[in-house]
Amino acid sequence: MHVHLRIHHWVLWWFYVGVVLGLVMVVNILMRDLTRTQERGILILGLLFWVLGGFVCHAFEGVRVVPPRGPDQQSTKEPIGEPEKEWHPASDFVFPGRHKHLLPPDK
Protein backbone atom coordinates (compact mmCIF):
# COMPACT_ATOMS: atom_id res chain seq x y z
CA MET A 1 0.00 0.00 0.00
CA HIS A 2 1.30 3.41 -0.94
CA VAL A 3 1.18 6.26 1.56
CA HIS A 4 1.50 9.96 0.81
CA LEU A 5 2.95 12.31 3.44
CA ARG A 6 2.10 15.99 3.38
CA ILE A 7 4.77 17.88 5.30
CA HIS A 8 4.71 21.64 5.86
CA HIS A 9 7.90 23.58 5.13
CA TRP A 10 8.23 24.81 8.70
CA VAL A 11 8.40 21.20 9.90
CA LEU A 12 11.45 20.62 7.74
CA TRP A 13 13.08 23.80 9.05
CA TRP A 14 12.37 22.69 12.62
CA PHE A 15 13.99 19.34 11.82
CA TYR A 16 17.08 20.94 10.22
CA VAL A 17 17.56 23.33 13.15
CA GLY A 18 17.20 20.42 15.56
CA VAL A 19 19.86 18.39 13.75
CA VAL A 20 22.30 21.33 13.68
CA LEU A 21 21.74 22.12 17.35
CA GLY A 22 22.12 18.43 18.18
CA LEU A 23 25.49 18.34 16.43
CA VAL A 24 26.60 21.45 18.32
CA MET A 25 25.51 19.82 21.60
CA VAL A 26 27.41 16.61 20.87
CA VAL A 27 30.56 18.54 19.93
CA ASN A 28 30.33 20.60 23.12
CA ILE A 29 29.82 17.51 25.28
CA LEU A 30 32.75 15.68 23.69
CA MET A 31 35.24 18.54 23.35
CA ARG A 32 34.68 20.53 26.53
CA ASP A 33 35.28 19.52 30.10
CA LEU A 34 31.69 19.75 31.33
CA THR A 35 30.34 18.46 34.59
CA ARG A 36 27.76 15.69 34.63
CA THR A 37 25.07 18.23 35.59
CA GLN A 38 25.92 20.48 32.65
CA GLU A 39 25.82 17.53 30.26
CA ARG A 40 22.42 16.47 31.57
CA GLY A 41 21.14 20.03 31.26
CA ILE A 42 22.25 20.22 27.63
CA LEU A 43 20.66 16.86 26.85
CA ILE A 44 17.40 17.85 28.59
CA LEU A 45 17.24 21.05 26.51
CA GLY A 46 17.71 19.00 23.32
CA LEU A 47 15.02 16.55 24.39
CA LEU A 48 12.62 19.42 25.16
CA PHE A 49 13.29 20.90 21.72
CA TRP A 50 12.29 17.65 19.98
CA VAL A 51 9.28 17.00 22.24
CA LEU A 52 8.00 20.56 21.74
CA GLY A 53 8.46 20.13 17.98
CA GLY A 54 6.43 16.92 18.08
CA PHE A 55 3.59 18.57 20.00
CA VAL A 56 3.54 21.58 17.67
CA CYS A 57 3.56 19.37 14.56
CA HIS A 58 0.71 17.31 15.95
CA ALA A 59 -1.32 20.34 17.06
CA PHE A 60 -1.01 22.17 13.73
CA GLU A 61 -1.14 19.00 11.61
CA GLY A 62 2.32 19.68 10.24
CA VAL A 63 2.63 16.12 8.96
CA ARG A 64 -0.38 14.26 7.59
CA VAL A 65 -0.70 10.79 6.12
CA VAL A 66 -2.99 10.93 3.08
CA PRO A 67 -4.02 7.82 1.17
CA PRO A 68 -3.27 8.13 -2.55
CA ARG A 69 -6.14 8.66 -4.92
CA GLY A 70 -6.94 5.62 -6.98
CA PRO A 71 -8.40 5.48 -10.46
CA ASP A 72 -11.84 4.85 -8.96
CA GLN A 73 -11.67 8.15 -7.02
CA GLN A 74 -12.07 10.66 -9.85
CA SER A 75 -13.28 13.38 -7.50
CA THR A 76 -12.08 16.83 -8.51
CA LYS A 77 -12.60 18.16 -5.00
CA GLU A 78 -9.54 18.63 -2.82
CA PRO A 79 -9.55 17.22 0.73
CA ILE A 80 -10.95 19.50 3.40
CA GLY A 81 -8.44 22.15 4.43
CA GLU A 82 -6.42 21.91 1.21
CA PRO A 83 -6.14 24.96 -1.02
CA GLU A 84 -7.52 24.56 -4.51
CA LYS A 85 -4.85 23.97 -7.12
CA GLU A 86 -5.41 25.25 -10.62
CA TRP A 87 -3.23 24.19 -13.51
CA HIS A 88 -2.94 25.63 -17.02
CA PRO A 89 -0.69 24.54 -19.88
CA ALA A 90 1.72 27.09 -21.33
CA SER A 91 -0.35 27.31 -24.51
CA ASP A 92 -3.16 28.99 -22.55
CA PHE A 93 -0.99 32.12 -22.32
CA VAL A 94 -0.28 32.45 -26.06
CA PHE A 95 -2.78 33.94 -28.51
CA PRO A 96 -3.34 31.82 -31.61
CA GLY A 97 -2.10 33.10 -34.93
CA ARG A 98 1.00 35.29 -34.85
CA HIS A 99 2.17 34.03 -31.43
CA LYS A 100 1.39 37.21 -29.55
CA HIS A 101 1.87 36.58 -25.87
CA LEU A 102 -0.72 37.48 -23.29
CA LEU A 103 1.94 38.29 -20.69
CA PRO A 104 4.56 41.04 -21.19
CA PRO A 105 8.06 39.90 -22.21
CA ASP A 106 10.72 39.52 -19.52
CA LYS A 107 13.52 42.06 -19.71
PDB file of N, CA and C in Angstrom:
ATOM      1  N   MET A   1       0.839  -1.181   0.000  1.00  0.00           N
ATOM      2  CA  MET A   1       0.000   0.000   0.000  1.00  0.00           C
ATOM      3  C   MET A   1       0.880   1.239   0.000  1.00  0.00           C
ATOM      4  N   HIS A   2       0.557   2.171  -0.865  1.00  0.00           N
ATOM      5  CA  HIS A   2       1.305   3.414  -0.936  1.00  0.00           C
ATOM      6  C   HIS A   2       0.727   4.417   0.050  1.00  0.00           C
ATOM      7  N   VAL A   3       1.604   5.238   0.614  1.00  0.00           N
ATOM      8  CA  VAL A   3       1.184   6.265   1.564  1.00  0.00           C
ATOM      9  C   VAL A   3       1.790   7.586   1.126  1.00  0.00           C
ATOM     10  N   HIS A   4       1.015   8.624   1.147  1.00  0.00           N
ATOM     11  CA  HIS A   4       1.503   9.956   0.809  1.00  0.00           C
ATOM     12  C   HIS A   4       1.614  10.767   2.092  1.00  0.00           C
ATOM     13  N   LEU A   5       2.749  11.424   2.292  1.00  0.00           N
ATOM     14  CA  LEU A   5       2.948  12.306   3.435  1.00  0.00           C
ATOM     15  C   LEU A   5       2.891  13.740   2.964  1.00  0.00           C
ATOM     16  N   ARG A   6       2.130  14.551   3.652  1.00  0.00           N
ATOM     17  CA  ARG A   6       2.098  15.988   3.381  1.00  0.00           C
ATOM     18  C   ARG A   6       2.801  16.660   4.555  1.00  0.00           C
ATOM     19  N   ILE A   7       3.943  17.280   4.257  1.00  0.00           N
ATOM     20  CA  ILE A   7       4.773  17.885   5.298  1.00  0.00           C
ATOM     21  C   ILE A   7       4.891  19.370   5.007  1.00  0.00           C
ATOM     22  N   HIS A   8       4.572  20.197   6.008  1.00  0.00           N
ATOM     23  CA  HIS A   8       4.710  21.643   5.861  1.00  0.00           C
ATOM     24  C   HIS A   8       6.195  22.006   5.864  1.00  0.00           C
ATOM     25  N   HIS A   9       6.501  23.143   5.225  1.00  0.00           N
ATOM     26  CA  HIS A   9       7.903  23.575   5.134  1.00  0.00           C
ATOM     27  C   HIS A   9       8.493  23.903   6.501  1.00  0.00           C
ATOM     28  N   TRP A  10       7.686  24.449   7.394  1.00  0.00           N
ATOM     29  CA  TRP A  10       8.229  24.815   8.703  1.00  0.00           C
ATOM     30  C   TRP A  10       8.619  23.583   9.499  1.00  0.00           C
ATOM     31  N   VAL A  11       8.013  22.438   9.217  1.00  0.00           N
ATOM     32  CA  VAL A  11       8.396  21.201   9.902  1.00  0.00           C
ATOM     33  C   VAL A  11       9.807  20.803   9.486  1.00  0.00           C
ATOM     34  N   LEU A  12      10.097  20.939   8.203  1.00  0.00           N
ATOM     35  CA  LEU A  12      11.453  20.621   7.740  1.00  0.00           C
ATOM     36  C   LEU A  12      12.485  21.567   8.346  1.00  0.00           C
ATOM     37  N   TRP A  13      12.143  22.856   8.419  1.00  0.00           N
ATOM     38  CA  TRP A  13      13.076  23.804   9.045  1.00  0.00           C
ATOM     39  C   TRP A  13      13.308  23.448  10.507  1.00  0.00           C
ATOM     40  N   TRP A  14      12.242  23.084  11.211  1.00  0.00           N
ATOM     41  CA  TRP A  14      12.373  22.695  12.620  1.00  0.00           C
ATOM     42  C   TRP A  14      13.299  21.485  12.724  1.00  0.00           C
ATOM     43  N   PHE A  15      13.151  20.531  11.819  1.00  0.00           N
ATOM     44  CA  PHE A  15      13.993  19.339  11.820  1.00  0.00           C
ATOM     45  C   PHE A  15      15.453  19.707  11.564  1.00  0.00           C
ATOM     46  N   TYR A  16      15.702  20.551  10.545  1.00  0.00           N
ATOM     47  CA  TYR A  16      17.075  20.941  10.223  1.00  0.00           C
ATOM     48  C   TYR A  16      17.740  21.682  11.383  1.00  0.00           C
ATOM     49  N   VAL A  17      17.014  22.597  12.007  1.00  0.00           N
ATOM     50  CA  VAL A  17      17.563  23.334  13.151  1.00  0.00           C
ATOM     51  C   VAL A  17      17.863  22.366  14.290  1.00  0.00           C
ATOM     52  N   GLY A  18      16.977  21.405  14.509  1.00  0.00           N
ATOM     53  CA  GLY A  18      17.204  20.419  15.562  1.00  0.00           C
ATOM     54  C   GLY A  18      18.442  19.577  15.314  1.00  0.00           C
ATOM     55  N   VAL A  19      18.670  19.190  14.073  1.00  0.00           N
ATOM     56  CA  VAL A  19      19.860  18.393  13.745  1.00  0.00           C
ATOM     57  C   VAL A  19      21.128  19.215  13.959  1.00  0.00           C
ATOM     58  N   VAL A  20      21.118  20.470  13.514  1.00  0.00           N
ATOM     59  CA  VAL A  20      22.305  21.328  13.679  1.00  0.00           C
ATOM     60  C   VAL A  20      22.577  21.575  15.160  1.00  0.00           C
ATOM     61  N   LEU A  21      21.536  21.896  15.906  1.00  0.00           N
ATOM     62  CA  LEU A  21      21.735  22.123  17.346  1.00  0.00           C
ATOM     63  C   LEU A  21      22.180  20.844  18.048  1.00  0.00           C
ATOM     64  N   GLY A  22      21.679  19.701  17.607  1.00  0.00           N
ATOM     65  CA  GLY A  22      22.117  18.429  18.182  1.00  0.00           C
ATOM     66  C   GLY A  22      23.595  18.182  17.926  1.00  0.00           C
ATOM     67  N   LEU A  23      24.059  18.495  16.721  1.00  0.00           N
ATOM     68  CA  LEU A  23      25.487  18.342  16.431  1.00  0.00           C
ATOM     69  C   LEU A  23      26.343  19.269  17.282  1.00  0.00           C
ATOM     70  N   VAL A  24      25.871  20.503  17.467  1.00  0.00           N
ATOM     71  CA  VAL A  24      26.597  21.452  18.324  1.00  0.00           C
ATOM     72  C   VAL A  24      26.650  20.929  19.754  1.00  0.00           C
ATOM     73  N   MET A  25      25.535  20.360  20.230  1.00  0.00           N
ATOM     74  CA  MET A  25      25.513  19.819  21.595  1.00  0.00           C
ATOM     75  C   MET A  25      26.498  18.665  21.755  1.00  0.00           C
ATOM     76  N   VAL A  26      26.516  17.762  20.778  1.00  0.00           N
ATOM     77  CA  VAL A  26      27.413  16.611  20.865  1.00  0.00           C
ATOM     78  C   VAL A  26      28.875  17.062  20.841  1.00  0.00           C
ATOM     79  N   VAL A  27      29.191  18.022  19.983  1.00  0.00           N
ATOM     80  CA  VAL A  27      30.562  18.538  19.929  1.00  0.00           C
ATOM     81  C   VAL A  27      30.940  19.187  21.255  1.00  0.00           C
ATOM     82  N   ASN A  28      30.045  19.969  21.832  1.00  0.00           N
ATOM     83  CA  ASN A  28      30.331  20.602  23.121  1.00  0.00           C
ATOM     84  C   ASN A  28      30.511  19.572  24.224  1.00  0.00           C
ATOM     85  N   ILE A  29      29.701  18.535  24.233  1.00  0.00           N
ATOM     86  CA  ILE A  29      29.822  17.512  25.276  1.00  0.00           C
ATOM     87  C   ILE A  29      31.140  16.756  25.134  1.00  0.00           C
ATOM     88  N   LEU A  30      31.534  16.461  23.890  1.00  0.00           N
ATOM     89  CA  LEU A  30      32.749  15.676  23.692  1.00  0.00           C
ATOM     90  C   LEU A  30      34.031  16.497  23.819  1.00  0.00           C
ATOM     91  N   MET A  31      34.007  17.759  23.404  1.00  0.00           N
ATOM     92  CA  MET A  31      35.240  18.542  23.347  1.00  0.00           C
ATOM     93  C   MET A  31      35.494  19.385  24.594  1.00  0.00           C
ATOM     94  N   ARG A  32      34.481  19.684  25.348  1.00  0.00           N
ATOM     95  CA  ARG A  32      34.678  20.530  26.533  1.00  0.00           C
ATOM     96  C   ARG A  32      34.671  19.676  27.793  1.00  0.00           C
ATOM     97  N   ASP A  33      35.256  20.215  28.824  1.00  0.00           N
ATOM     98  CA  ASP A  33      35.280  19.520  30.103  1.00  0.00           C
ATOM     99  C   ASP A  33      34.076  19.987  30.922  1.00  0.00           C
ATOM    100  N   LEU A  34      32.920  19.370  30.646  1.00  0.00           N
ATOM    101  CA  LEU A  34      31.690  19.752  31.326  1.00  0.00           C
ATOM    102  C   LEU A  34      31.415  18.798  32.485  1.00  0.00           C
ATOM    103  N   THR A  35      30.739  19.319  33.482  1.00  0.00           N
ATOM    104  CA  THR A  35      30.345  18.462  34.593  1.00  0.00           C
ATOM    105  C   THR A  35      29.164  17.609  34.160  1.00  0.00           C
ATOM    106  N   ARG A  36      28.873  16.589  34.938  1.00  0.00           N
ATOM    107  CA  ARG A  36      27.761  15.687  34.630  1.00  0.00           C
ATOM    108  C   ARG A  36      26.434  16.458  34.630  1.00  0.00           C
ATOM    109  N   THR A  37      26.291  17.420  35.522  1.00  0.00           N
ATOM    110  CA  THR A  37      25.066  18.228  35.594  1.00  0.00           C
ATOM    111  C   THR A  37      24.902  19.082  34.338  1.00  0.00           C
ATOM    112  N   GLN A  38      25.989  19.677  33.865  1.00  0.00           N
ATOM    113  CA  GLN A  38      25.920  20.482  32.648  1.00  0.00           C
ATOM    114  C   GLN A  38      25.568  19.618  31.435  1.00  0.00           C
ATOM    115  N   GLU A  39      26.150  18.424  31.367  1.00  0.00           N
ATOM    116  CA  GLU A  39      25.821  17.528  30.261  1.00  0.00           C
ATOM    117  C   GLU A  39      24.348  17.136  30.281  1.00  0.00           C
ATOM    118  N   ARG A  40      23.843  16.817  31.457  1.00  0.00           N
ATOM    119  CA  ARG A  40      22.423  16.465  31.574  1.00  0.00           C
ATOM    120  C   ARG A  40      21.536  17.648  31.208  1.00  0.00           C
ATOM    121  N   GLY A  41      21.921  18.838  31.601  1.00  0.00           N
ATOM    122  CA  GLY A  41      21.138  20.029  31.257  1.00  0.00           C
ATOM    123  C   GLY A  41      21.073  20.246  29.750  1.00  0.00           C
ATOM    124  N   ILE A  42      22.212  20.073  29.094  1.00  0.00           N
ATOM    125  CA  ILE A  42      22.248  20.223  27.635  1.00  0.00           C
ATOM    126  C   ILE A  42      21.376  19.160  26.970  1.00  0.00           C
ATOM    127  N   LEU A  43      21.471  17.928  27.431  1.00  0.00           N
ATOM    128  CA  LEU A  43      20.662  16.856  26.848  1.00  0.00           C
ATOM    129  C   LEU A  43      19.170  17.063  27.111  1.00  0.00           C
ATOM    130  N   ILE A  44      18.812  17.574  28.282  1.00  0.00           N
ATOM    131  CA  ILE A  44      17.397  17.852  28.587  1.00  0.00           C
ATOM    132  C   ILE A  44      16.871  18.959  27.685  1.00  0.00           C
ATOM    133  N   LEU A  45      17.677  19.990  27.429  1.00  0.00           N
ATOM    134  CA  LEU A  45      17.242  21.048  26.509  1.00  0.00           C
ATOM    135  C   LEU A  45      17.020  20.494  25.096  1.00  0.00           C
ATOM    136  N   GLY A  46      17.895  19.621  24.633  1.00  0.00           N
ATOM    137  CA  GLY A  46      17.713  18.999  23.322  1.00  0.00           C
ATOM    138  C   GLY A  46      16.461  18.142  23.274  1.00  0.00           C
ATOM    139  N   LEU A  47      16.221  17.377  24.322  1.00  0.00           N
ATOM    140  CA  LEU A  47      15.020  16.552  24.389  1.00  0.00           C
ATOM    141  C   LEU A  47      13.760  17.415  24.394  1.00  0.00           C
ATOM    142  N   LEU A  48      13.773  18.513  25.142  1.00  0.00           N
ATOM    143  CA  LEU A  48      12.622  19.418  25.160  1.00  0.00           C
ATOM    144  C   LEU A  48      12.369  20.035  23.790  1.00  0.00           C
ATOM    145  N   PHE A  49      13.433  20.354  23.063  1.00  0.00           N
ATOM    146  CA  PHE A  49      13.285  20.904  21.716  1.00  0.00           C
ATOM    147  C   PHE A  49      12.531  19.920  20.816  1.00  0.00           C
ATOM    148  N   TRP A  50      12.929  18.643  20.838  1.00  0.00           N
ATOM    149  CA  TRP A  50      12.291  17.651  19.981  1.00  0.00           C
ATOM    150  C   TRP A  50      10.868  17.339  20.436  1.00  0.00           C
ATOM    151  N   VAL A  51      10.635  17.270  21.743  1.00  0.00           N
ATOM    152  CA  VAL A  51       9.284  16.998  22.244  1.00  0.00           C
ATOM    153  C   VAL A  51       8.352  18.158  21.900  1.00  0.00           C
ATOM    154  N   LEU A  52       8.814  19.390  22.099  1.00  0.00           N
ATOM    155  CA  LEU A  52       8.001  20.557  21.742  1.00  0.00           C
ATOM    156  C   LEU A  52       7.699  20.551  20.240  1.00  0.00           C
ATOM    157  N   GLY A  53       8.686  20.214  19.423  1.00  0.00           N
ATOM    158  CA  GLY A  53       8.463  20.131  17.982  1.00  0.00           C
ATOM    159  C   GLY A  53       7.413  19.088  17.633  1.00  0.00           C
ATOM    160  N   GLY A  54       7.439  17.952  18.311  1.00  0.00           N
ATOM    161  CA  GLY A  54       6.430  16.915  18.075  1.00  0.00           C
ATOM    162  C   GLY A  54       5.035  17.382  18.451  1.00  0.00           C
ATOM    163  N   PHE A  55       4.907  18.058  19.586  1.00  0.00           N
ATOM    164  CA  PHE A  55       3.594  18.567  20.000  1.00  0.00           C
ATOM    165  C   PHE A  55       3.080  19.627  19.030  1.00  0.00           C
ATOM    166  N   VAL A  56       3.956  20.521  18.603  1.00  0.00           N
ATOM    167  CA  VAL A  56       3.542  21.582  17.674  1.00  0.00           C
ATOM    168  C   VAL A  56       3.135  20.976  16.330  1.00  0.00           C
ATOM    169  N   CYS A  57       3.903  20.021  15.829  1.00  0.00           N
ATOM    170  CA  CYS A  57       3.559  19.373  14.561  1.00  0.00           C
ATOM    171  C   CYS A  57       2.219  18.651  14.657  1.00  0.00           C
ATOM    172  N   HIS A  58       1.981  18.007  15.776  1.00  0.00           N
ATOM    173  CA  HIS A  58       0.710  17.308  15.954  1.00  0.00           C
ATOM    174  C   HIS A  58      -0.448  18.293  16.077  1.00  0.00           C
ATOM    175  N   ALA A  59      -0.257  19.366  16.832  1.00  0.00           N
ATOM    176  CA  ALA A  59      -1.324  20.339  17.056  1.00  0.00           C
ATOM    177  C   ALA A  59      -1.714  21.075  15.780  1.00  0.00           C
ATOM    178  N   PHE A  60      -0.746  21.418  14.958  1.00  0.00           N
ATOM    179  CA  PHE A  60      -1.014  22.175  13.731  1.00  0.00           C
ATOM    180  C   PHE A  60      -1.049  21.282  12.492  1.00  0.00           C
ATOM    181  N   GLU A  61      -1.106  19.969  12.691  1.00  0.00           N
ATOM    182  CA  GLU A  61      -1.137  19.000  11.608  1.00  0.00           C
ATOM    183  C   GLU A  61      -0.032  19.277  10.591  1.00  0.00           C
ATOM    184  N   GLY A  62       1.183  19.401  11.104  1.00  0.00           N
ATOM    185  CA  GLY A  62       2.325  19.676  10.242  1.00  0.00           C
ATOM    186  C   GLY A  62       2.667  18.524   9.333  1.00  0.00           C
ATOM    187  N   VAL A  63       2.390  17.307   9.771  1.00  0.00           N
ATOM    188  CA  VAL A  63       2.632  16.115   8.961  1.00  0.00           C
ATOM    189  C   VAL A  63       1.340  15.315   8.940  1.00  0.00           C
ATOM    190  N   ARG A  64       0.844  15.041   7.729  1.00  0.00           N
ATOM    191  CA  ARG A  64      -0.382  14.257   7.594  1.00  0.00           C
ATOM    192  C   ARG A  64      -0.137  13.094   6.655  1.00  0.00           C
ATOM    193  N   VAL A  65      -0.747  11.972   6.977  1.00  0.00           N
ATOM    194  CA  VAL A  65      -0.702  10.794   6.117  1.00  0.00           C
ATOM    195  C   VAL A  65      -1.986  10.805   5.306  1.00  0.00           C
ATOM    196  N   VAL A  66      -1.845  10.860   3.981  1.00  0.00           N
ATOM    197  CA  VAL A  66      -2.989  10.929   3.076  1.00  0.00           C
ATOM    198  C   VAL A  66      -2.948   9.712   2.165  1.00  0.00           C
ATOM    199  N   PRO A  67      -4.036   8.948   2.110  1.00  0.00           N
ATOM    200  CA  PRO A  67      -4.022   7.817   1.171  1.00  0.00           C
ATOM    201  C   PRO A  67      -4.025   8.333  -0.259  1.00  0.00           C
ATOM    202  N   PRO A  68      -3.302   7.664  -1.153  1.00  0.00           N
ATOM    203  CA  PRO A  68      -3.266   8.127  -2.546  1.00  0.00           C
ATOM    204  C   PRO A  68      -4.623   7.935  -3.210  1.00  0.00           C
ATOM    205  N   ARG A  69      -4.899   8.789  -4.179  1.00  0.00           N
ATOM    206  CA  ARG A  69      -6.138   8.660  -4.925  1.00  0.00           C
ATOM    207  C   ARG A  69      -5.987   7.566  -5.970  1.00  0.00           C
ATOM    208  N   GLY A  70      -6.948   6.699  -6.000  1.00  0.00           N
ATOM    209  CA  GLY A  70      -6.939   5.621  -6.978  1.00  0.00           C
ATOM    210  C   GLY A  70      -7.694   6.023  -8.223  1.00  0.00           C
ATOM    211  N   PRO A  71      -7.680   5.162  -9.232  1.00  0.00           N
ATOM    212  CA  PRO A  71      -8.401   5.483 -10.461  1.00  0.00           C
ATOM    213  C   PRO A  71      -9.912   5.515 -10.252  1.00  0.00           C
ATOM    214  N   ASP A  72     -10.411   4.831  -9.221  1.00  0.00           N
ATOM    215  CA  ASP A  72     -11.840   4.853  -8.960  1.00  0.00           C
ATOM    216  C   ASP A  72     -12.286   6.122  -8.244  1.00  0.00           C
ATOM    217  N   GLN A  73     -11.346   6.912  -7.730  1.00  0.00           N
ATOM    218  CA  GLN A  73     -11.665   8.152  -7.023  1.00  0.00           C
ATOM    219  C   GLN A  73     -11.379   9.326  -7.947  1.00  0.00           C
ATOM    220  N   GLN A  74     -12.258   9.590  -8.879  1.00  0.00           N
ATOM    221  CA  GLN A  74     -12.069  10.662  -9.851  1.00  0.00           C
ATOM    222  C   GLN A  74     -12.660  11.970  -9.352  1.00  0.00           C
ATOM    223  N   SER A  75     -12.732  12.154  -8.072  1.00  0.00           N
ATOM    224  CA  SER A  75     -13.282  13.377  -7.499  1.00  0.00           C
ATOM    225  C   SER A  75     -12.348  14.542  -7.785  1.00  0.00           C
ATOM    226  N   THR A  76     -12.901  15.647  -8.238  1.00  0.00           N
ATOM    227  CA  THR A  76     -12.083  16.831  -8.509  1.00  0.00           C
ATOM    228  C   THR A  76     -11.959  17.714  -7.279  1.00  0.00           C
ATOM    229  N   LYS A  77     -12.668  17.364  -6.222  1.00  0.00           N
ATOM    230  CA  LYS A  77     -12.604  18.164  -5.005  1.00  0.00           C
ATOM    231  C   LYS A  77     -11.354  17.814  -4.223  1.00  0.00           C
ATOM    232  N   GLU A  78     -10.715  18.835  -3.669  1.00  0.00           N
ATOM    233  CA  GLU A  78      -9.543  18.633  -2.823  1.00  0.00           C
ATOM    234  C   GLU A  78     -10.016  18.223  -1.431  1.00  0.00           C
ATOM    235  N   PRO A  79      -9.173  17.542  -0.646  1.00  0.00           N
ATOM    236  CA  PRO A  79      -9.548  17.224   0.728  1.00  0.00           C
ATOM    237  C   PRO A  79      -9.820  18.492   1.528  1.00  0.00           C
ATOM    238  N   ILE A  80     -10.596  18.347   2.576  1.00  0.00           N
ATOM    239  CA  ILE A  80     -10.948  19.503   3.401  1.00  0.00           C
ATOM    240  C   ILE A  80      -9.677  20.124   3.969  1.00  0.00           C
ATOM    241  N   GLY A  81      -9.595  21.437   3.896  1.00  0.00           N
ATOM    242  CA  GLY A  81      -8.440  22.148   4.428  1.00  0.00           C
ATOM    243  C   GLY A  81      -7.333  22.352   3.418  1.00  0.00           C
ATOM    244  N   GLU A  82      -7.445  21.757   2.246  1.00  0.00           N
ATOM    245  CA  GLU A  82      -6.425  21.914   1.213  1.00  0.00           C
ATOM    246  C   GLU A  82      -6.799  23.082   0.304  1.00  0.00           C
ATOM    247  N   PRO A  83      -5.833  23.893  -0.075  1.00  0.00           N
ATOM    248  CA  PRO A  83      -6.140  24.961  -1.025  1.00  0.00           C
ATOM    249  C   PRO A  83      -6.405  24.367  -2.410  1.00  0.00           C
ATOM    250  N   GLU A  84      -7.249  25.034  -3.169  1.00  0.00           N
ATOM    251  CA  GLU A  84      -7.522  24.559  -4.507  1.00  0.00           C
ATOM    252  C   GLU A  84      -6.311  24.816  -5.390  1.00  0.00           C
ATOM    253  N   LYS A  85      -5.995  23.844  -6.227  1.00  0.00           N
ATOM    254  CA  LYS A  85      -4.850  23.971  -7.119  1.00  0.00           C
ATOM    255  C   LYS A  85      -5.381  24.043  -8.543  1.00  0.00           C
ATOM    256  N   GLU A  86      -4.979  25.073  -9.255  1.00  0.00           N
ATOM    257  CA  GLU A  86      -5.415  25.252 -10.622  1.00  0.00           C
ATOM    258  C   GLU A  86      -4.201  25.140 -11.522  1.00  0.00           C
ATOM    259  N   TRP A  87      -4.355  24.430 -12.631  1.00  0.00           N
ATOM    260  CA  TRP A  87      -3.234  24.193 -13.514  1.00  0.00           C
ATOM    261  C   TRP A  87      -3.631  24.582 -14.928  1.00  0.00           C
ATOM    262  N   HIS A  88      -2.726  25.251 -15.630  1.00  0.00           N
ATOM    263  CA  HIS A  88      -2.937  25.632 -17.016  1.00  0.00           C
ATOM    264  C   HIS A  88      -1.697  25.284 -17.820  1.00  0.00           C
ATOM    265  N   PRO A  89      -1.871  24.762 -19.036  1.00  0.00           N
ATOM    266  CA  PRO A  89      -0.694  24.537 -19.881  1.00  0.00           C
ATOM    267  C   PRO A  89      -0.162  25.866 -20.399  1.00  0.00           C
ATOM    268  N   ALA A  90       1.090  25.857 -20.843  1.00  0.00           N
ATOM    269  CA  ALA A  90       1.724  27.089 -21.331  1.00  0.00           C
ATOM    270  C   ALA A  90       0.989  27.663 -22.538  1.00  0.00           C
ATOM    271  N   SER A  91       0.333  26.816 -23.319  1.00  0.00           N
ATOM    272  CA  SER A  91      -0.350  27.306 -24.509  1.00  0.00           C
ATOM    273  C   SER A  91      -1.568  28.171 -24.173  1.00  0.00           C
ATOM    274  N   ASP A  92      -2.052  28.123 -22.950  1.00  0.00           N
ATOM    275  CA  ASP A  92      -3.159  28.994 -22.554  1.00  0.00           C
ATOM    276  C   ASP A  92      -2.748  30.458 -22.508  1.00  0.00           C
ATOM    277  N   PHE A  93      -1.466  30.742 -22.450  1.00  0.00           N
ATOM    278  CA  PHE A  93      -0.988  32.116 -22.316  1.00  0.00           C
ATOM    279  C   PHE A  93      -0.443  32.665 -23.632  1.00  0.00           C
ATOM    280  N   VAL A  94      -0.713  31.994 -24.751  1.00  0.00           N
ATOM    281  CA  VAL A  94      -0.278  32.451 -26.064  1.00  0.00           C
ATOM    282  C   VAL A  94      -1.519  32.591 -26.942  1.00  0.00           C
ATOM    283  N   PHE A  95      -1.669  33.757 -27.595  1.00  0.00           N
ATOM    284  CA  PHE A  95      -2.782  33.938 -28.512  1.00  0.00           C
ATOM    285  C   PHE A  95      -2.523  33.144 -29.789  1.00  0.00           C
ATOM    286  N   PRO A  96      -3.553  32.549 -30.360  1.00  0.00           N
ATOM    287  CA  PRO A  96      -3.336  31.817 -31.610  1.00  0.00           C
ATOM    288  C   PRO A  96      -3.029  32.774 -32.752  1.00  0.00           C
ATOM    289  N   GLY A  97      -2.392  32.270 -33.756  1.00  0.00           N
ATOM    290  CA  GLY A  97      -2.104  33.097 -34.929  1.00  0.00           C
ATOM    291  C   GLY A  97      -0.653  33.497 -34.975  1.00  0.00           C
ATOM    292  N   ARG A  98      -0.370  34.771 -34.691  1.00  0.00           N
ATOM    293  CA  ARG A  98       0.995  35.294 -34.850  1.00  0.00           C
ATOM    294  C   ARG A  98       1.817  35.166 -33.566  1.00  0.00           C
ATOM    295  N   HIS A  99       1.437  34.311 -32.671  1.00  0.00           N
ATOM    296  CA  HIS A  99       2.171  34.026 -31.434  1.00  0.00           C
ATOM    297  C   HIS A  99       2.351  35.264 -30.562  1.00  0.00           C
ATOM    298  N   LYS A 100       1.319  36.068 -30.455  1.00  0.00           N
ATOM    299  CA  LYS A 100       1.386  37.212 -29.549  1.00  0.00           C
ATOM    300  C   LYS A 100       1.106  36.711 -28.144  1.00  0.00           C
ATOM    301  N   HIS A 101       1.979  37.067 -27.237  1.00  0.00           N
ATOM    302  CA  HIS A 101       1.871  36.583 -25.868  1.00  0.00           C
ATOM    303  C   HIS A 101       0.912  37.450 -25.069  1.00  0.00           C
ATOM    304  N   LEU A 102       0.189  36.795 -24.180  1.00  0.00           N
ATOM    305  CA  LEU A 102      -0.722  37.476 -23.288  1.00  0.00           C
ATOM    306  C   LEU A 102       0.033  38.238 -22.206  1.00  0.00           C
ATOM    307  N   LEU A 103       1.139  37.676 -21.739  1.00  0.00           N
ATOM    308  CA  LEU A 103       1.942  38.290 -20.689  1.00  0.00           C
ATOM    309  C   LEU A 103       3.052  39.134 -21.320  1.00  0.00           C
ATOM    310  N   PRO A 104       3.480  40.216 -20.624  1.00  0.00           N
ATOM    311  CA  PRO A 104       4.557  41.039 -21.194  1.00  0.00           C
ATOM    312  C   PRO A 104       5.877  40.267 -21.211  1.00  0.00           C
ATOM    313  N   PRO A 105       6.783  40.614 -22.143  1.00  0.00           N
ATOM    314  CA  PRO A 105       8.063  39.904 -22.213  1.00  0.00           C
ATOM    315  C   PRO A 105       8.941  40.256 -21.022  1.00  0.00           C
ATOM    316  N   ASP A 106       9.761  39.288 -20.618  1.00  0.00           N
ATOM    317  CA  ASP A 106      10.718  39.521 -19.525  1.00  0.00           C
ATOM    318  C   ASP A 106      11.899  40.292 -20.065  1.00  0.00           C
ATOM    319  N   LYS A 107      12.357  41.274 -19.291  1.00  0.00           N
ATOM    320  CA  LYS A 107      13.523  42.059 -19.713  1.00  0.00           C
ATOM    321  C   LYS A 107      14.638  41.893 -18.750  1.00  0.00           C
TER     322      LYS A 107
END
